[in-house]
C-alpha cells in the first residue's frame, strides 16, 4: 500500500452477492479467513485500490434508502458497460460514465474523464 492510499469500507447484507458483483468490476479477493474463522469481512482489490466488504448491522441498509455511493475510474468504460447492459454518456462535468446499483442498492458510477459538453 502506498502513502496516501485509502480503502472504502462498504456494509453489505449479502457478502457473497456483493463479492460477485464487484468481481465483475475487476476486483478480486486478496485474503481468505483461516479454517473455522468467520468470513464476515472481505478485502477486494483491483490493483489500484481496495474495497472492504463487511456485514451490515441488521436493519442498517434499507431497500431504496442506501446512502452509500462509489465512483470507479476505468478507461474501458464501454467494455464494462456491456457487462451491465448500461449505456455510458458524456456529462457536462467532463466525465464519460454510467451508473448501476450493487445488490444492496449502493450507487456505483463507472467513468473516465472526457471533454466537457458545455
Protein backbone atom coordinates (compact mmCIF):
# COMPACT_ATOMS: atom_id res chain seq x y z
CA UNK A 1 0.00 0.00 0.00
CA UNK A 2 1.41 3.40 -0.92
CA UNK A 3 1.34 6.53 1.24
CA UNK A 4 -1.91 8.44 0.93
CA UNK A 5 -3.82 5.44 -0.43
CA UNK A 6 -7.16 4.60 1.12
CA UNK A 7 -9.75 1.85 1.12
CA UNK A 8 -13.53 2.04 1.12
CA UNK A 9 -15.40 0.00 3.74
CA UNK A 10 -18.83 -0.94 2.44
CA UNK A 11 -21.53 -2.62 4.55
CA UNK A 12 -23.41 -5.41 2.77
CA UNK A 13 -26.44 -7.56 3.53
CA UNK A 14 -25.15 -10.47 1.44
CA UNK A 15 -21.35 -10.67 1.24
CA UNK A 16 -21.36 -13.43 -1.40
CA UNK A 17 -23.66 -11.46 -3.75
CA UNK A 18 -21.66 -8.27 -3.24
CA UNK A 19 -18.35 -10.04 -3.84
CA UNK A 20 -19.68 -11.48 -7.13
CA UNK A 21 -20.92 -8.03 -8.22
CA UNK A 22 -17.59 -6.32 -7.55
CA UNK A 23 -15.68 -9.13 -9.25
CA UNK A 24 -17.50 -8.06 -12.45
CA UNK A 25 -15.89 -4.63 -11.94
CA UNK A 26 -12.40 -6.12 -11.75
CA UNK A 27 -11.99 -6.59 -8.00
CA UNK A 28 -10.53 -9.81 -6.63
CA UNK A 29 -10.42 -11.10 -3.09
CA UNK A 30 -6.95 -10.80 -1.60
CA UNK A 31 -7.36 -12.77 1.63
CA UNK A 32 -9.35 -15.69 3.00
CA UNK A 33 -10.03 -16.46 6.67
CA UNK A 34 -8.30 -19.35 8.38
CA UNK A 35 -10.36 -22.55 8.52
CA UNK A 36 -13.04 -22.23 11.18
CA UNK A 37 -12.79 -18.42 11.33
CA UNK A 38 -15.83 -16.28 10.43
CA UNK A 39 -15.99 -14.93 6.87
CA UNK A 40 -17.68 -11.61 7.68
CA UNK A 41 -15.04 -9.20 6.32
CA UNK A 42 -13.66 -9.38 2.80
CA UNK A 43 -10.86 -7.37 1.26
CA UNK A 44 -11.04 -6.95 -2.52
CA UNK A 45 -8.51 -5.18 -4.72
CA UNK A 46 -8.39 -4.02 -8.32
CA UNK A 47 -4.65 -3.33 -8.31
CA UNK A 48 -5.01 0.39 -7.59
CA UNK A 49 -7.49 0.43 -4.70
CA UNK A 50 -9.16 -1.69 -2.10
CA UNK A 51 -12.79 -2.33 -1.31
CA UNK A 52 -13.56 -3.84 2.08
CA UNK A 53 -16.91 -5.61 2.33
CA UNK A 54 -18.34 -6.13 5.80
CA UNK A 55 -21.59 -7.49 7.21
CA UNK A 56 -24.10 -4.68 7.71
CA UNK A 57 -25.75 -4.27 11.05
CA UNK A 58 -29.26 -5.72 10.78
CA UNK A 59 -31.72 -3.07 9.56
CA UNK A 60 -28.98 -0.62 8.60
CA UNK A 61 -29.33 -0.96 4.81
CA UNK A 62 -32.95 -0.25 3.98
CA UNK A 63 -34.04 -1.07 0.39
CA UNK A 64 -34.45 2.15 -1.58
CA UNK A 65 -32.63 4.22 1.03
CA UNK A 66 -28.98 3.16 0.78
CA UNK A 67 -26.90 6.32 1.37
CA UNK A 68 -23.63 4.91 0.02
CA UNK A 69 -22.05 5.51 -3.37
CA UNK A 70 -18.78 4.64 -5.11
CA UNK A 71 -17.06 6.10 -8.16
CA UNK A 72 -14.79 3.74 -10.06
CA UNK A 73 -12.43 5.26 -12.63
CA UNK A 74 -11.97 2.90 -15.58
CA UNK A 75 -10.60 3.76 -19.01
CA UNK A 76 -12.59 0.89 -20.54
CA UNK A 77 -16.00 2.39 -19.71
CA UNK A 78 -17.69 0.96 -22.82
CA UNK A 79 -16.47 -2.58 -22.17
CA UNK A 80 -17.58 -2.50 -18.54
CA UNK A 81 -20.96 -1.01 -19.51
CA UNK A 82 -21.62 -4.01 -21.77
CA UNK A 83 -21.25 -6.36 -18.77
CA UNK A 84 -24.11 -4.50 -17.06
CA UNK A 85 -26.27 -3.68 -20.09
CA UNK A 86 -25.68 0.03 -19.44
CA UNK A 87 -25.23 2.94 -21.83
CA UNK A 88 -22.48 5.41 -20.92
CA UNK A 89 -22.82 9.09 -21.74
CA UNK A 90 -20.70 12.21 -21.77
CA UNK A 91 -21.60 14.53 -18.91
CA UNK A 92 -21.40 18.33 -18.65
CA UNK A 93 -18.84 17.91 -15.84
CA UNK A 94 -16.39 16.20 -18.18
CA UNK A 95 -16.88 12.51 -17.48
CA UNK A 96 -17.88 9.63 -19.73
CA UNK A 97 -19.84 7.41 -17.36
CA UNK A 98 -22.73 5.15 -16.45
CA UNK A 99 -24.36 4.18 -13.16
CA UNK A 100 -25.55 0.86 -11.75
CA UNK A 101 -26.60 -0.37 -8.32
CA UNK A 102 -24.95 -3.17 -6.38
CA UNK A 103 -27.01 -5.88 -4.63
CA UNK A 104 -27.67 -3.52 -1.68
CA UNK A 105 -28.58 -0.61 -3.99
CA UNK A 106 -25.28 1.19 -3.43
CA UNK A 107 -24.87 3.65 -6.30
CA UNK A 108 -21.84 2.66 -8.38
CA UNK A 109 -20.71 5.06 -11.10
CA UNK A 110 -18.07 3.93 -13.57
CA UNK A 111 -16.38 6.60 -15.64
CA UNK A 112 -13.36 8.27 -17.14
CA UNK A 113 -12.58 11.93 -17.88
CA UNK A 114 -13.67 13.22 -21.27
CA UNK A 115 -14.11 16.65 -22.78
CA UNK A 116 -16.84 18.74 -21.13
CA UNK A 117 -20.04 19.02 -23.18
CA UNK A 118 -20.93 22.55 -22.06
